[in-house]
PDB file of N, CA and C in Angstrom:
ATOM      1  N   MET A   1       1.313 -31.930  27.647  1.00  0.00           N
ATOM      2  CA  MET A   1       1.279 -31.825  29.090  1.00  0.00           C
ATOM      3  C   MET A   1      -0.136 -31.572  29.601  1.00  0.00           C
ATOM      4  N   HIS A   2      -1.115 -31.664  28.722  1.00  0.00           N
ATOM      5  CA  HIS A   2      -2.496 -31.464  29.150  1.00  0.00           C
ATOM      6  C   HIS A   2      -3.016 -32.660  29.943  1.00  0.00           C
ATOM      7  N   GLU A   3      -2.207 -33.731  30.054  1.00  0.00           N
ATOM      8  CA  GLU A   3      -2.612 -34.878  30.860  1.00  0.00           C
ATOM      9  C   GLU A   3      -2.638 -34.550  32.352  1.00  0.00           C
ATOM     10  N   LEU A   4      -1.785 -33.623  32.795  1.00  0.00           N
ATOM     11  CA  LEU A   4      -1.689 -33.312  34.228  1.00  0.00           C
ATOM     12  C   LEU A   4      -3.003 -32.810  34.815  1.00  0.00           C
ATOM     13  N   PRO A   5      -3.628 -31.752  34.286  1.00  0.00           N
ATOM     14  CA  PRO A   5      -4.888 -31.307  34.900  1.00  0.00           C
ATOM     15  C   PRO A   5      -6.005 -32.340  34.776  1.00  0.00           C
ATOM     16  N   ILE A   6      -5.992 -33.110  33.721  1.00  0.00           N
ATOM     17  CA  ILE A   6      -7.009 -34.159  33.566  1.00  0.00           C
ATOM     18  C   ILE A   6      -6.788 -35.243  34.622  1.00  0.00           C
ATOM     19  N   THR A   7      -5.539 -35.596  34.841  1.00  0.00           N
ATOM     20  CA  THR A   7      -5.223 -36.614  35.847  1.00  0.00           C
ATOM     21  C   THR A   7      -5.576 -36.118  37.245  1.00  0.00           C
ATOM     22  N   GLU A   8      -5.377 -34.843  37.509  1.00  0.00           N
ATOM     23  CA  GLU A   8      -5.784 -34.272  38.803  1.00  0.00           C
ATOM     24  C   GLU A   8      -7.289 -34.437  38.997  1.00  0.00           C
ATOM     25  N   SER A   9      -8.059 -34.203  37.962  1.00  0.00           N
ATOM     26  CA  SER A   9      -9.513 -34.357  38.046  1.00  0.00           C
ATOM     27  C   SER A   9      -9.904 -35.814  38.261  1.00  0.00           C
ATOM     28  N   ILE A  10      -9.222 -36.711  37.571  1.00  0.00           N
ATOM     29  CA  ILE A  10      -9.504 -38.144  37.747  1.00  0.00           C
ATOM     30  C   ILE A  10      -9.242 -38.540  39.194  1.00  0.00           C
ATOM     31  N   LEU A  11      -8.116 -38.117  39.740  1.00  0.00           N
ATOM     32  CA  LEU A  11      -7.781 -38.463  41.118  1.00  0.00           C
ATOM     33  C   LEU A  11      -8.808 -37.911  42.100  1.00  0.00           C
ATOM     34  N   LYS A  12      -9.273 -36.688  41.890  1.00  0.00           N
ATOM     35  CA  LYS A  12     -10.297 -36.111  42.770  1.00  0.00           C
ATOM     36  C   LYS A  12     -11.548 -36.978  42.787  1.00  0.00           C
ATOM     37  N   VAL A  13     -11.980 -37.421  41.628  1.00  0.00           N
ATOM     38  CA  VAL A  13     -13.178 -38.264  41.527  1.00  0.00           C
ATOM     39  C   VAL A  13     -12.938 -39.604  42.226  1.00  0.00           C
ATOM     40  N   VAL A  14     -11.786 -40.204  41.981  1.00  0.00           N
ATOM     41  CA  VAL A  14     -11.452 -41.487  42.597  1.00  0.00           C
ATOM     42  C   VAL A  14     -11.448 -41.369  44.118  1.00  0.00           C
ATOM     43  N   LEU A  15     -10.800 -40.338  44.644  1.00  0.00           N
ATOM     44  CA  LEU A  15     -10.720 -40.165  46.098  1.00  0.00           C
ATOM     45  C   LEU A  15     -12.087 -39.889  46.710  1.00  0.00           C
ATOM     46  N   LYS A  16     -12.914 -39.132  46.001  1.00  0.00           N
ATOM     47  CA  LYS A  16     -14.260 -38.847  46.495  1.00  0.00           C
ATOM     48  C   LYS A  16     -15.072 -40.144  46.618  1.00  0.00           C
ATOM     49  N   HIS A  17     -15.006 -40.974  45.595  1.00  0.00           N
ATOM     50  CA  HIS A  17     -15.759 -42.231  45.616  1.00  0.00           C
ATOM     51  C   HIS A  17     -15.168 -43.223  46.616  1.00  0.00           C
ATOM     52  N   ALA A  18     -13.852 -43.231  46.757  1.00  0.00           N
ATOM     53  CA  ALA A  18     -13.218 -44.110  47.735  1.00  0.00           C
ATOM     54  C   ALA A  18     -13.656 -43.742  49.148  1.00  0.00           C
ATOM     55  N   GLU A  19     -13.668 -42.457  49.436  1.00  0.00           N
ATOM     56  CA  GLU A  19     -14.096 -42.008  50.762  1.00  0.00           C
ATOM     57  C   GLU A  19     -15.564 -42.319  51.007  1.00  0.00           C
ATOM     58  N   ARG A  20     -16.386 -42.029  50.019  1.00  0.00           N
ATOM     59  CA  ARG A  20     -17.828 -42.259  50.140  1.00  0.00           C
ATOM     60  C   ARG A  20     -18.137 -43.735  50.402  1.00  0.00           C
ATOM     61  N   ASN A  21     -17.311 -44.629  49.845  1.00  0.00           N
ATOM     62  CA  ASN A  21     -17.557 -46.059  49.973  1.00  0.00           C
ATOM     63  C   ASN A  21     -16.675 -46.734  51.017  1.00  0.00           C
ATOM     64  N   GLY A  22     -15.914 -45.949  51.757  1.00  0.00           N
ATOM     65  CA  GLY A  22     -15.093 -46.496  52.830  1.00  0.00           C
ATOM     66  C   GLY A  22     -13.956 -47.386  52.333  1.00  0.00           C
ATOM     67  N   ALA A  23     -13.466 -47.132  51.139  1.00  0.00           N
ATOM     68  CA  ALA A  23     -12.382 -47.943  50.584  1.00  0.00           C
ATOM     69  C   ALA A  23     -11.071 -47.648  51.308  1.00  0.00           C
ATOM     70  N   GLU A  24     -10.355 -48.699  51.622  1.00  0.00           N
ATOM     71  CA  GLU A  24      -9.052 -48.541  52.256  1.00  0.00           C
ATOM     72  C   GLU A  24      -7.936 -48.506  51.228  1.00  0.00           C
ATOM     73  N   LYS A  25      -8.190 -49.064  50.041  1.00  0.00           N
ATOM     74  CA  LYS A  25      -7.173 -49.125  48.999  1.00  0.00           C
ATOM     75  C   LYS A  25      -7.866 -49.177  47.638  1.00  0.00           C
ATOM     76  N   VAL A  26      -7.351 -48.395  46.702  1.00  0.00           N
ATOM     77  CA  VAL A  26      -7.822 -48.429  45.320  1.00  0.00           C
ATOM     78  C   VAL A  26      -6.759 -49.172  44.518  1.00  0.00           C
ATOM     79  N   ILE A  27      -7.187 -50.178  43.777  1.00  0.00           N
ATOM     80  CA  ILE A  27      -6.241 -51.022  43.042  1.00  0.00           C
ATOM     81  C   ILE A  27      -6.229 -50.694  41.552  1.00  0.00           C
ATOM     82  N   THR A  28      -7.416 -50.543  40.985  1.00  0.00           N
ATOM     83  CA  THR A  28      -7.541 -50.295  39.541  1.00  0.00           C
ATOM     84  C   THR A  28      -8.618 -49.258  39.290  1.00  0.00           C
ATOM     85  N   ILE A  29      -8.349 -48.379  38.356  1.00  0.00           N
ATOM     86  CA  ILE A  29      -9.340 -47.401  37.907  1.00  0.00           C
ATOM     87  C   ILE A  29      -9.619 -47.701  36.441  1.00  0.00           C
ATOM     88  N   ARG A  30     -10.827 -48.118  36.155  1.00  0.00           N
ATOM     89  CA  ARG A  30     -11.220 -48.417  34.781  1.00  0.00           C
ATOM     90  C   ARG A  30     -11.855 -47.171  34.181  1.00  0.00           C
ATOM     91  N   MET A  31     -11.381 -46.811  32.995  1.00  0.00           N
ATOM     92  CA  MET A  31     -11.912 -45.621  32.352  1.00  0.00           C
ATOM     93  C   MET A  31     -11.890 -45.789  30.840  1.00  0.00           C
ATOM     94  N   SER A  32     -12.751 -45.069  30.182  1.00  0.00           N
ATOM     95  CA  SER A  32     -12.833 -45.083  28.726  1.00  0.00           C
ATOM     96  C   SER A  32     -12.403 -43.735  28.190  1.00  0.00           C
ATOM     97  N   VAL A  33     -11.607 -43.774  27.129  1.00  0.00           N
ATOM     98  CA  VAL A  33     -11.099 -42.558  26.498  1.00  0.00           C
ATOM     99  C   VAL A  33     -11.319 -42.704  24.993  1.00  0.00           C
ATOM    100  N   GLY A  34     -11.800 -41.663  24.360  1.00  0.00           N
ATOM    101  CA  GLY A  34     -12.032 -41.699  22.926  1.00  0.00           C
ATOM    102  C   GLY A  34     -10.740 -41.887  22.140  1.00  0.00           C
ATOM    103  N   GLN A  35     -10.820 -42.660  21.073  1.00  0.00           N
ATOM    104  CA  GLN A  35      -9.660 -42.962  20.238  1.00  0.00           C
ATOM    105  C   GLN A  35      -8.998 -41.706  19.677  1.00  0.00           C
ATOM    106  N   LEU A  36      -9.797 -40.672  19.410  1.00  0.00           N
ATOM    107  CA  LEU A  36      -9.246 -39.453  18.844  1.00  0.00           C
ATOM    108  C   LEU A  36      -8.660 -38.502  19.889  1.00  0.00           C
ATOM    109  N   SER A  37      -8.791 -38.870  21.139  1.00  0.00           N
ATOM    110  CA  SER A  37      -8.209 -38.052  22.202  1.00  0.00           C
ATOM    111  C   SER A  37      -6.696 -38.038  22.051  1.00  0.00           C
ATOM    112  N   GLU A  38      -6.104 -36.920  22.361  1.00  0.00           N
ATOM    113  CA  GLU A  38      -4.650 -36.812  22.294  1.00  0.00           C
ATOM    114  C   GLU A  38      -3.990 -37.218  23.611  1.00  0.00           C
ATOM    115  N   LEU A  39      -4.760 -37.746  24.542  1.00  0.00           N
ATOM    116  CA  LEU A  39      -4.202 -38.168  25.818  1.00  0.00           C
ATOM    117  C   LEU A  39      -3.334 -39.405  25.633  1.00  0.00           C
ATOM    118  N   GLU A  40      -2.181 -39.404  26.269  1.00  0.00           N
ATOM    119  CA  GLU A  40      -1.251 -40.523  26.203  1.00  0.00           C
ATOM    120  C   GLU A  40      -1.395 -41.369  27.467  1.00  0.00           C
ATOM    121  N   ASP A  41      -1.682 -42.654  27.289  1.00  0.00           N
ATOM    122  CA  ASP A  41      -1.896 -43.555  28.415  1.00  0.00           C
ATOM    123  C   ASP A  41      -0.708 -43.554  29.387  1.00  0.00           C
ATOM    124  N   ASP A  42       0.501 -43.603  28.856  1.00  0.00           N
ATOM    125  CA  ASP A  42       1.695 -43.653  29.709  1.00  0.00           C
ATOM    126  C   ASP A  42       1.834 -42.402  30.564  1.00  0.00           C
ATOM    127  N   TRP A  43       1.531 -41.244  29.982  1.00  0.00           N
ATOM    128  CA  TRP A  43       1.634 -39.992  30.741  1.00  0.00           C
ATOM    129  C   TRP A  43       0.529 -39.896  31.783  1.00  0.00           C
ATOM    130  N   LEU A  44      -0.677 -40.374  31.459  1.00  0.00           N
ATOM    131  CA  LEU A  44      -1.745 -40.389  32.456  1.00  0.00           C
ATOM    132  C   LEU A  44      -1.317 -41.214  33.661  1.00  0.00           C
ATOM    133  N   GLN A  45      -0.751 -42.396  33.418  1.00  0.00           N
ATOM    134  CA  GLN A  45      -0.307 -43.253  34.515  1.00  0.00           C
ATOM    135  C   GLN A  45       0.839 -42.601  35.288  1.00  0.00           C
ATOM    136  N   HIS A  46       1.768 -42.006  34.563  1.00  0.00           N
ATOM    137  CA  HIS A  46       2.905 -41.341  35.207  1.00  0.00           C
ATOM    138  C   HIS A  46       2.431 -40.246  36.164  1.00  0.00           C
ATOM    139  N   TYR A  47       1.566 -39.379  35.675  1.00  0.00           N
ATOM    140  CA  TYR A  47       1.055 -38.301  36.524  1.00  0.00           C
ATOM    141  C   TYR A  47       0.199 -38.844  37.659  1.00  0.00           C
ATOM    142  N   PHE A  48      -0.586 -39.881  37.386  1.00  0.00           N
ATOM    143  CA  PHE A  48      -1.418 -40.466  38.439  1.00  0.00           C
ATOM    144  C   PHE A  48      -0.529 -41.024  39.553  1.00  0.00           C
ATOM    145  N   ASP A  49       0.536 -41.720  39.170  1.00  0.00           N
ATOM    146  CA  ASP A  49       1.459 -42.271  40.175  1.00  0.00           C
ATOM    147  C   ASP A  49       2.031 -41.159  41.052  1.00  0.00           C
ATOM    148  N   TYR A  50       2.398 -40.044  40.443  1.00  0.00           N
ATOM    149  CA  TYR A  50       2.971 -38.915  41.173  1.00  0.00           C
ATOM    150  C   TYR A  50       1.933 -38.259  42.090  1.00  0.00           C
ATOM    151  N   LEU A  51       0.765 -37.974  41.540  1.00  0.00           N
ATOM    152  CA  LEU A  51      -0.255 -37.236  42.292  1.00  0.00           C
ATOM    153  C   LEU A  51      -0.901 -38.058  43.408  1.00  0.00           C
ATOM    154  N   SER A  52      -0.952 -39.359  43.246  1.00  0.00           N
ATOM    155  CA  SER A  52      -1.672 -40.198  44.205  1.00  0.00           C
ATOM    156  C   SER A  52      -0.821 -40.636  45.399  1.00  0.00           C
ATOM    157  N   LYS A  53       0.460 -40.256  45.422  1.00  0.00           N
ATOM    158  CA  LYS A  53       1.317 -40.644  46.547  1.00  0.00           C
ATOM    159  C   LYS A  53       0.713 -40.173  47.858  1.00  0.00           C
ATOM    160  N   GLY A  54       0.676 -41.089  48.828  1.00  0.00           N
ATOM    161  CA  GLY A  54       0.151 -40.760  50.145  1.00  0.00           C
ATOM    162  C   GLY A  54      -1.357 -40.833  50.253  1.00  0.00           C
ATOM    163  N   THR A  55      -2.027 -41.301  49.199  1.00  0.00           N
ATOM    164  CA  THR A  55      -3.489 -41.440  49.225  1.00  0.00           C
ATOM    165  C   THR A  55      -3.856 -42.922  49.135  1.00  0.00           C
ATOM    166  N   VAL A  56      -5.138 -43.225  49.294  1.00  0.00           N
ATOM    167  CA  VAL A  56      -5.597 -44.615  49.158  1.00  0.00           C
ATOM    168  C   VAL A  56      -5.454 -45.122  47.727  1.00  0.00           C
ATOM    169  N   ALA A  57      -5.214 -44.216  46.787  1.00  0.00           N
ATOM    170  CA  ALA A  57      -5.068 -44.598  45.383  1.00  0.00           C
ATOM    171  C   ALA A  57      -3.605 -44.805  44.979  1.00  0.00           C
ATOM    172  N   GLU A  58      -2.695 -44.638  45.925  1.00  0.00           N
ATOM    173  CA  GLU A  58      -1.276 -44.812  45.593  1.00  0.00           C
ATOM    174  C   GLU A  58      -1.039 -46.231  45.080  1.00  0.00           C
ATOM    175  N   GLY A  59      -0.358 -46.337  43.944  1.00  0.00           N
ATOM    176  CA  GLY A  59      -0.057 -47.643  43.355  1.00  0.00           C
ATOM    177  C   GLY A  59      -1.143 -48.198  42.452  1.00  0.00           C
ATOM    178  N   ALA A  60      -2.281 -47.509  42.371  1.00  0.00           N
ATOM    179  CA  ALA A  60      -3.376 -47.996  41.519  1.00  0.00           C
ATOM    180  C   ALA A  60      -2.994 -47.888  40.044  1.00  0.00           C
ATOM    181  N   LYS A  61      -3.511 -48.801  39.268  1.00  0.00           N
ATOM    182  CA  LYS A  61      -3.250 -48.812  37.827  1.00  0.00           C
ATOM    183  C   LYS A  61      -4.477 -48.303  37.080  1.00  0.00           C
ATOM    184  N   LEU A  62      -4.214 -47.525  36.051  1.00  0.00           N
ATOM    185  CA  LEU A  62      -5.279 -47.040  35.182  1.00  0.00           C
ATOM    186  C   LEU A  62      -5.497 -48.068  34.072  1.00  0.00           C
ATOM    187  N   ALA A  63      -6.692 -48.616  34.018  1.00  0.00           N
ATOM    188  CA  ALA A  63      -7.061 -49.550  32.952  1.00  0.00           C
ATOM    189  C   ALA A  63      -7.857 -48.740  31.934  1.00  0.00           C
ATOM    190  N   ILE A  64      -7.186 -48.334  30.878  1.00  0.00           N
ATOM    191  CA  ILE A  64      -7.782 -47.415  29.916  1.00  0.00           C
ATOM    192  C   ILE A  64      -8.257 -48.158  28.681  1.00  0.00           C
ATOM    193  N   GLU A  65      -9.545 -48.042  28.426  1.00  0.00           N
ATOM    194  CA  GLU A  65     -10.151 -48.622  27.225  1.00  0.00           C
ATOM    195  C   GLU A  65     -10.294 -47.503  26.197  1.00  0.00           C
ATOM    196  N   ARG A  66      -9.827 -47.742  24.998  1.00  0.00           N
ATOM    197  CA  ARG A  66      -9.957 -46.756  23.915  1.00  0.00           C
ATOM    198  C   ARG A  66     -11.229 -47.030  23.136  1.00  0.00           C
ATOM    199  N   LEU A  67     -12.085 -46.027  23.065  1.00  0.00           N
ATOM    200  CA  LEU A  67     -13.345 -46.144  22.332  1.00  0.00           C
ATOM    201  C   LEU A  67     -13.167 -45.651  20.904  1.00  0.00           C
ATOM    202  N   PRO A  68     -13.734 -46.356  19.934  1.00  0.00           N
ATOM    203  CA  PRO A  68     -13.602 -45.927  18.540  1.00  0.00           C
ATOM    204  C   PRO A  68     -14.359 -44.623  18.294  1.00  0.00           C
ATOM    205  N   ALA A  69     -13.899 -43.896  17.312  1.00  0.00           N
ATOM    206  CA  ALA A  69     -14.559 -42.651  16.940  1.00  0.00           C
ATOM    207  C   ALA A  69     -15.888 -42.940  16.250  1.00  0.00           C
ATOM    208  N   LYS A  70     -16.860 -42.087  16.481  1.00  0.00           N
ATOM    209  CA  LYS A  70     -18.174 -42.229  15.832  1.00  0.00           C
ATOM    210  C   LYS A  70     -18.433 -40.949  15.034  1.00  0.00           C
ATOM    211  N   ILE A  71     -18.848 -41.138  13.825  1.00  0.00           N
ATOM    212  CA  ILE A  71     -19.130 -39.982  12.976  1.00  0.00           C
ATOM    213  C   ILE A  71     -20.580 -40.016  12.549  1.00  0.00           C
TER     214      ILE A  71
END
């Protein structure tokens, strides 16, 4: 359930940039997540859908790229 606070932070950043740029609608959020992260893509989207209701980001899809681990 650690996806919820992370998703809240993502939404804050998205809304800040949308406002700064005068966006009327956010369609896609592209982001990179490390392969070793325990974040689940489906849960991130689920929480984002819930949290973004009533905002310019409502209905936006998270396009998540998984980055390989580097040692």
